C-alpha atoms as a PDB file:
ATOM      1  CA  UNK A   1       0.000   0.000   0.000  1.00  0.00           C
ATOM      2  CA  UNK A   2       1.279   3.426  -0.800  1.00  0.00           C
ATOM      3  CA  UNK A   3      -0.102   6.608   0.710  1.00  0.00           C
ATOM      4  CA  UNK A   4       0.286  10.063  -0.742  1.00  0.00           C
ATOM      5  CA  UNK A   5      -0.301  12.983   1.586  1.00  0.00           C
ATOM      6  CA  UNK A   6      -1.913  16.144   0.242  1.00  0.00           C
ATOM      7  CA  UNK A   7      -2.417  18.485   3.146  1.00  0.00           C
ATOM      8  CA  UNK A   8      -4.628  16.597   5.590  1.00  0.00           C
ATOM      9  CA  UNK A   9      -5.950  14.132   3.003  1.00  0.00           C
ATOM     10  CA  UNK A  10      -4.402  10.733   2.440  1.00  0.00           C
ATOM     11  CA  UNK A  11      -4.783   9.037  -0.934  1.00  0.00           C
ATOM     12  CA  UNK A  12      -4.221   5.281  -0.897  1.00  0.00           C
ATOM     13  CA  UNK A  13      -3.157   2.960  -3.682  1.00  0.00           C
ATOM     14  CA  UNK A  14      -4.201  -0.563  -2.743  1.00  0.00           C
ATOM     15  CA  UNK A  15      -3.618  -3.880  -4.459  1.00  0.00           C
ATOM     16  CA  UNK A  16      -6.251  -6.340  -3.244  1.00  0.00           C
ATOM     17  CA  UNK A  17      -6.072 -10.077  -3.859  1.00  0.00           C
ATOM     18  CA  UNK A  18      -9.606 -11.397  -4.413  1.00  0.00           C
ATOM     19  CA  UNK A  19     -10.486 -15.007  -3.723  1.00  0.00           C
ATOM     20  CA  UNK A  20     -14.139 -15.394  -4.757  1.00  0.00           C
ATOM     21  CA  UNK A  21     -14.328 -18.938  -3.406  1.00  0.00           C
ATOM     22  CA  UNK A  22     -17.340 -21.189  -3.787  1.00  0.00           C
ATOM     23  CA  UNK A  23     -21.124 -21.129  -3.476  1.00  0.00           C
ATOM     24  CA  UNK A  24     -22.339 -17.599  -2.878  1.00  0.00           C
ATOM     25  CA  UNK A  25     -18.737 -16.379  -2.398  1.00  0.00           C
ATOM     26  CA  UNK A  26     -18.191 -15.106  -5.966  1.00  0.00           C
ATOM     27  CA  UNK A  27     -21.398 -13.054  -5.832  1.00  0.00           C
ATOM     28  CA  UNK A  28     -20.487 -11.530  -2.446  1.00  0.00           C
ATOM     29  CA  UNK A  29     -16.913 -10.717  -3.502  1.00  0.00           C
ATOM     30  CA  UNK A  30     -18.141  -9.112  -6.740  1.00  0.00           C
ATOM     31  CA  UNK A  31     -20.478  -6.842  -4.775  1.00  0.00           C
ATOM     32  CA  UNK A  32     -17.772  -6.046  -2.205  1.00  0.00           C
ATOM     33  CA  UNK A  33     -15.463  -4.989  -5.041  1.00  0.00           C
ATOM     34  CA  UNK A  34     -18.153  -2.593  -6.301  1.00  0.00           C
ATOM     35  CA  UNK A  35     -18.392  -1.046  -2.840  1.00  0.00           C
ATOM     36  CA  UNK A  36     -14.605  -0.695  -2.571  1.00  0.00           C
ATOM     37  CA  UNK A  37     -14.399   0.917  -6.008  1.00  0.00           C
ATOM     38  CA  UNK A  38     -17.146   3.372  -5.065  1.00  0.00           C
ATOM     39  CA  UNK A  39     -15.319   4.296  -1.841  1.00  0.00           C
ATOM     40  CA  UNK A  40     -12.103   4.736  -3.828  1.00  0.00           C
ATOM     41  CA  UNK A  41     -13.887   6.948  -6.357  1.00  0.00           C
ATOM     42  CA  UNK A  42     -15.509   9.107  -3.680  1.00  0.00           C
ATOM     43  CA  UNK A  43     -12.334   9.649  -1.651  1.00  0.00           C
ATOM     44  CA  UNK A  44      -9.742   9.665  -4.431  1.00  0.00           C
ATOM     45  CA  UNK A  45      -8.108   6.324  -3.653  1.00  0.00           C
ATOM     46  CA  UNK A  46      -6.889   3.824  -6.229  1.00  0.00           C
ATOM     47  CA  UNK A  47      -7.610   0.124  -6.007  1.00  0.00           C
ATOM     48  CA  UNK A  48      -6.494  -2.721  -8.199  1.00  0.00           C
ATOM     49  CA  UNK A  49      -7.717  -6.281  -7.871  1.00  0.00           C
ATOM     50  CA  UNK A  50      -6.007  -9.574  -8.596  1.00  0.00           C
ATOM     51  CA  UNK A  51      -8.469 -12.480  -8.858  1.00  0.00           C
ATOM     52  CA  UNK A  52      -7.239 -15.949  -7.872  1.00  0.00           C
ATOM     53  CA  UNK A  53      -8.849 -19.287  -7.047  1.00  0.00           C
ATOM     54  CA  UNK A  54      -9.079 -21.230  -3.810  1.00  0.00           C
ATOM     55  CA  UNK A  55     -11.270 -24.002  -2.422  1.00  0.00           C
ATOM     56  CA  UNK A  56     -13.570 -25.952  -4.710  1.00  0.00           C
ATOM     57  CA  UNK A  57     -12.999 -23.581  -7.621  1.00  0.00           C
ATOM     58  CA  UNK A  58      -9.265 -24.261  -7.383  1.00  0.00           C
ATOM     59  CA  UNK A  59      -9.859 -28.005  -7.102  1.00  0.00           C
ATOM     60  CA  UNK A  60     -11.939 -27.900 -10.277  1.00  0.00           C
ATOM     61  CA  UNK A  61      -9.311 -25.871 -12.160  1.00  0.00           C
ATOM     62  CA  UNK A  62      -6.023 -27.215 -10.760  1.00  0.00           C
ATOM     63  CA  UNK A  63      -6.790 -30.336  -8.717  1.00  0.00           C
ATOM     64  CA  UNK A  64      -5.744 -28.760  -5.400  1.00  0.00           C
ATOM     65  CA  UNK A  65      -7.560 -26.395  -2.998  1.00  0.00           C
ATOM     66  CA  UNK A  66      -4.759 -23.805  -2.974  1.00  0.00           C
ATOM     67  CA  UNK A  67      -1.887 -23.261  -5.375  1.00  0.00           C
ATOM     68  CA  UNK A  68       1.502 -21.720  -4.681  1.00  0.00           C
ATOM     69  CA  UNK A  69       0.590 -19.012  -7.210  1.00  0.00           C
ATOM     70  CA  UNK A  70      -2.444 -18.024  -5.143  1.00  0.00           C
ATOM     71  CA  UNK A  71      -0.312 -17.804  -2.014  1.00  0.00           C
ATOM     72  CA  UNK A  72       2.229 -15.643  -3.866  1.00  0.00           C
ATOM     73  CA  UNK A  73      -0.528 -13.328  -5.126  1.00  0.00           C
ATOM     74  CA  UNK A  74      -1.940 -12.987  -1.610  1.00  0.00           C
ATOM     75  CA  UNK A  75       1.508 -12.231  -0.162  1.00  0.00           C
ATOM     76  CA  UNK A  76       2.154  -9.599  -2.831  1.00  0.00           C
ATOM     77  CA  UNK A  77      -1.107  -7.787  -2.029  1.00  0.00           C
ATOM     78  CA  UNK A  78      -1.996  -5.171   0.556  1.00  0.00           C
ATOM     79  CA  UNK A  79      -5.156  -7.067   1.522  1.00  0.00           C
ATOM     80  CA  UNK A  80      -7.056 -10.248   0.731  1.00  0.00           C
ATOM     81  CA  UNK A  81     -10.808 -10.233   0.106  1.00  0.00           C
ATOM     82  CA  UNK A  82     -12.160 -13.763   0.367  1.00  0.00           C
ATOM     83  CA  UNK A  83     -15.587 -15.270  -0.193  1.00  0.00           C
ATOM     84  CA  UNK A  84     -16.932 -18.480   1.274  1.00  0.00           C
ATOM     85  CA  UNK A  85     -14.970 -21.674   0.724  1.00  0.00           C
ATOM     86  CA  UNK A  86     -16.460 -25.141   0.299  1.00  0.00           C
ATOM     87  CA  UNK A  87     -19.814 -26.587  -0.569  1.00  0.00           C
ATOM     88  CA  UNK A  88     -22.466 -29.048   0.492  1.00  0.00           C
ATOM     89  CA  UNK A  89     -20.653 -31.933   2.133  1.00  0.00           C
ATOM     90  CA  UNK A  90     -23.476 -34.322   1.193  1.00  0.00           C
ATOM     91  CA  UNK A  91     -23.613 -33.594  -2.527  1.00  0.00           C
ATOM     92  CA  UNK A  92     -20.342 -32.012  -3.601  1.00  0.00           C
ATOM     93  CA  UNK A  93     -17.744 -34.274  -5.236  1.00  0.00           C
ATOM     94  CA  UNK A  94     -15.050 -32.272  -3.410  1.00  0.00           C
ATOM     95  CA  UNK A  95     -15.894 -34.126  -0.202  1.00  0.00           C
ATOM     96  CA  UNK A  96     -15.162 -37.504  -1.740  1.00  0.00           C
ATOM     97  CA  UNK A  97     -11.503 -36.448  -1.937  1.00  0.00           C
ATOM     98  CA  UNK A  98      -8.886 -37.093   0.722  1.00  0.00           C
ATOM     99  CA  UNK A  99      -9.074 -34.484   3.540  1.00  0.00           C
ATOM    100  CA  UNK A 100      -5.875 -32.691   2.413  1.00  0.00           C
ATOM    101  CA  UNK A 101      -7.475 -32.104  -1.017  1.00  0.00           C
ATOM    102  CA  UNK A 102     -10.843 -30.771   0.196  1.00  0.00           C
ATOM    103  CA  UNK A 103     -11.734 -27.058  -0.057  1.00  0.00           C
ATOM    104  CA  UNK A 104     -11.181 -26.291   3.639  1.00  0.00           C
ATOM    105  CA  UNK A 105      -7.592 -27.552   3.407  1.00  0.00           C
ATOM    106  CA  UNK A 106      -6.932 -24.413   1.377  1.00  0.00           C
ATOM    107  CA  UNK A 107      -8.108 -22.282   4.308  1.00  0.00           C
ATOM    108  CA  UNK A 108      -5.690 -23.963   6.683  1.00  0.00           C
ATOM    109  CA  UNK A 109      -2.819 -23.603   4.223  1.00  0.00           C
ATOM    110  CA  UNK A 110      -3.429 -19.929   3.438  1.00  0.00           C
ATOM    111  CA  UNK A 111      -3.774 -19.070   7.141  1.00  0.00           C
ATOM    112  CA  UNK A 112      -0.443 -20.720   7.843  1.00  0.00           C
ATOM    113  CA  UNK A 113       1.240 -19.254   4.754  1.00  0.00           C
ATOM    114  CA  UNK A 114       0.156 -15.706   5.580  1.00  0.00           C
ATOM    115  CA  UNK A 115       0.735 -15.984   9.338  1.00  0.00           C
ATOM    116  CA  UNK A 116      -2.905 -15.196  10.061  1.00  0.00           C
ATOM    117  CA  UNK A 117      -4.047 -15.467  13.647  1.00  0.00           C
ATOM    118  CA  UNK A 118      -7.647 -14.237  13.717  1.00  0.00           C
ATOM    119  CA  UNK A 119     -10.901 -13.934  11.809  1.00  0.00           C
ATOM    120  CA  UNK A 120     -13.001 -10.833  12.308  1.00  0.00           C
ATOM    121  CA  UNK A 121     -16.699 -11.640  12.088  1.00  0.00           C
ATOM    122  CA  UNK A 122     -19.084  -8.699  12.240  1.00  0.00           C
ATOM    123  CA  UNK A 123     -22.632  -9.395  13.410  1.00  0.00           C
ATOM    124  CA  UNK A 124     -25.417  -6.840  13.108  1.00  0.00           C
ATOM    125  CA  UNK A 125     -29.063  -7.267  14.051  1.00  0.00           C
ATOM    126  CA  UNK A 126     -31.201  -4.317  13.128  1.00  0.00           C
ATOM    127  CA  UNK A 127     -34.239  -3.733  15.380  1.00  0.00           C
ATOM    128  CA  UNK A 128     -36.531  -4.163  12.354  1.00  0.00           C
ATOM    129  CA  UNK A 129     -35.372  -7.803  12.078  1.00  0.00           C
ATOM    130  CA  UNK A 130     -35.607  -8.620  15.792  1.00  0.00           C
ATOM    131  CA  UNK A 131     -38.656 -10.847  15.259  1.00  0.00           C
ATOM    132  CA  UNK A 132     -36.620 -13.177  13.060  1.00  0.00           C
ATOM    133  CA  UNK A 133     -33.851 -13.564  15.647  1.00  0.00           C
ATOM    134  CA  UNK A 134     -33.696 -16.683  17.874  1.00  0.00           C
ATOM    135  CA  UNK A 135     -32.234 -14.728  20.813  1.00  0.00           C
ATOM    136  CA  UNK A 136     -34.283 -13.704  23.837  1.00  0.00           C
ATOM    137  CA  UNK A 137     -36.580 -10.782  23.117  1.00  0.00           C
ATOM    138  CA  UNK A 138     -34.889  -8.494  25.682  1.00  0.00           C
ATOM    139  CA  UNK A 139     -31.691  -8.851  23.653  1.00  0.00           C
ATOM    140  CA  UNK A 140     -33.052  -8.951  20.114  1.00  0.00           C
ATOM    141  CA  UNK A 141     -35.559  -6.100  20.516  1.00  0.00           C
ATOM    142  CA  UNK A 142     -32.717  -3.579  20.796  1.00  0.00           C
ATOM    143  CA  UNK A 143     -30.711  -5.054  17.938  1.00  0.00           C
ATOM    144  CA  UNK A 144     -26.951  -5.329  18.186  1.00  0.00           C
ATOM    145  CA  UNK A 145     -23.753  -4.458  16.381  1.00  0.00           C
ATOM    146  CA  UNK A 146     -20.751  -6.461  17.460  1.00  0.00           C
ATOM    147  CA  UNK A 147     -17.472  -7.775  16.171  1.00  0.00           C
ATOM    148  CA  UNK A 148     -16.454 -11.311  17.038  1.00  0.00           C
ATOM    149  CA  UNK A 149     -12.746 -12.044  16.926  1.00  0.00           C
ATOM    150  CA  UNK A 150     -12.059 -15.728  16.353  1.00  0.00           C
ATOM    151  CA  UNK A 151      -8.549 -16.755  17.320  1.00  0.00           C
ATOM    152  CA  UNK A 152      -6.906 -19.216  14.921  1.00  0.00           C
ATOM    153  CA  UNK A 153      -3.634 -20.147  16.580  1.00  0.00           C
ATOM    154  CA  UNK A 154      -4.900 -23.319  18.271  1.00  0.00           C
ATOM    155  CA  UNK A 155      -5.454 -26.651  16.587  1.00  0.00           C
ATOM    156  CA  UNK A 156      -8.645 -26.561  14.560  1.00  0.00           C
ATOM    157  CA  UNK A 157     -11.304 -29.255  14.611  1.00  0.00           C
ATOM    158  CA  UNK A 158     -10.428 -30.326  11.075  1.00  0.00           C
ATOM    159  CA  UNK A 159      -6.745 -30.637  12.016  1.00  0.00           C
ATOM    160  CA  UNK A 160      -7.670 -32.807  15.011  1.00  0.00           C
ATOM    161  CA  UNK A 161      -9.767 -35.052  12.778  1.00  0.00           C
ATOM    162  CA  UNK A 162      -6.769 -35.677  10.514  1.00  0.00           C
ATOM    163  CA  UNK A 163      -4.435 -36.542  13.393  1.00  0.00           C
END
């Protein structure tokens, strides 16, 4: 990332590695890119995107859930924007493969390769949707806006299953 300073304004030039993933992931990543481009346009930033494959899409194209080229592209970027990885474990042919070749194996490998230690998971419940929420009414009636930080440095369930 490079930042140019003009008075009090900062103009960023960002290279973002996009991993659309599987299922609804490509649709979500495409929409997220539109939002990022609009923000860049409004505030004078520049953004470039490098699209790469991971998960089931990578298995279909290359036979593995994550390639060395994808890791290199992610490392060379300022940020990684990733969609969902994997599919229906009951119907997808990806889950007939050995565990190290399944879509989620790509997640473990990219986390390790990029030294990632946490997932940030925002959760928002707007008061208008409180009736659809399974939480107690005294909680859901007010809505909520929270950020869940999921630590990734321990052994994951899928790693334990392989051991």
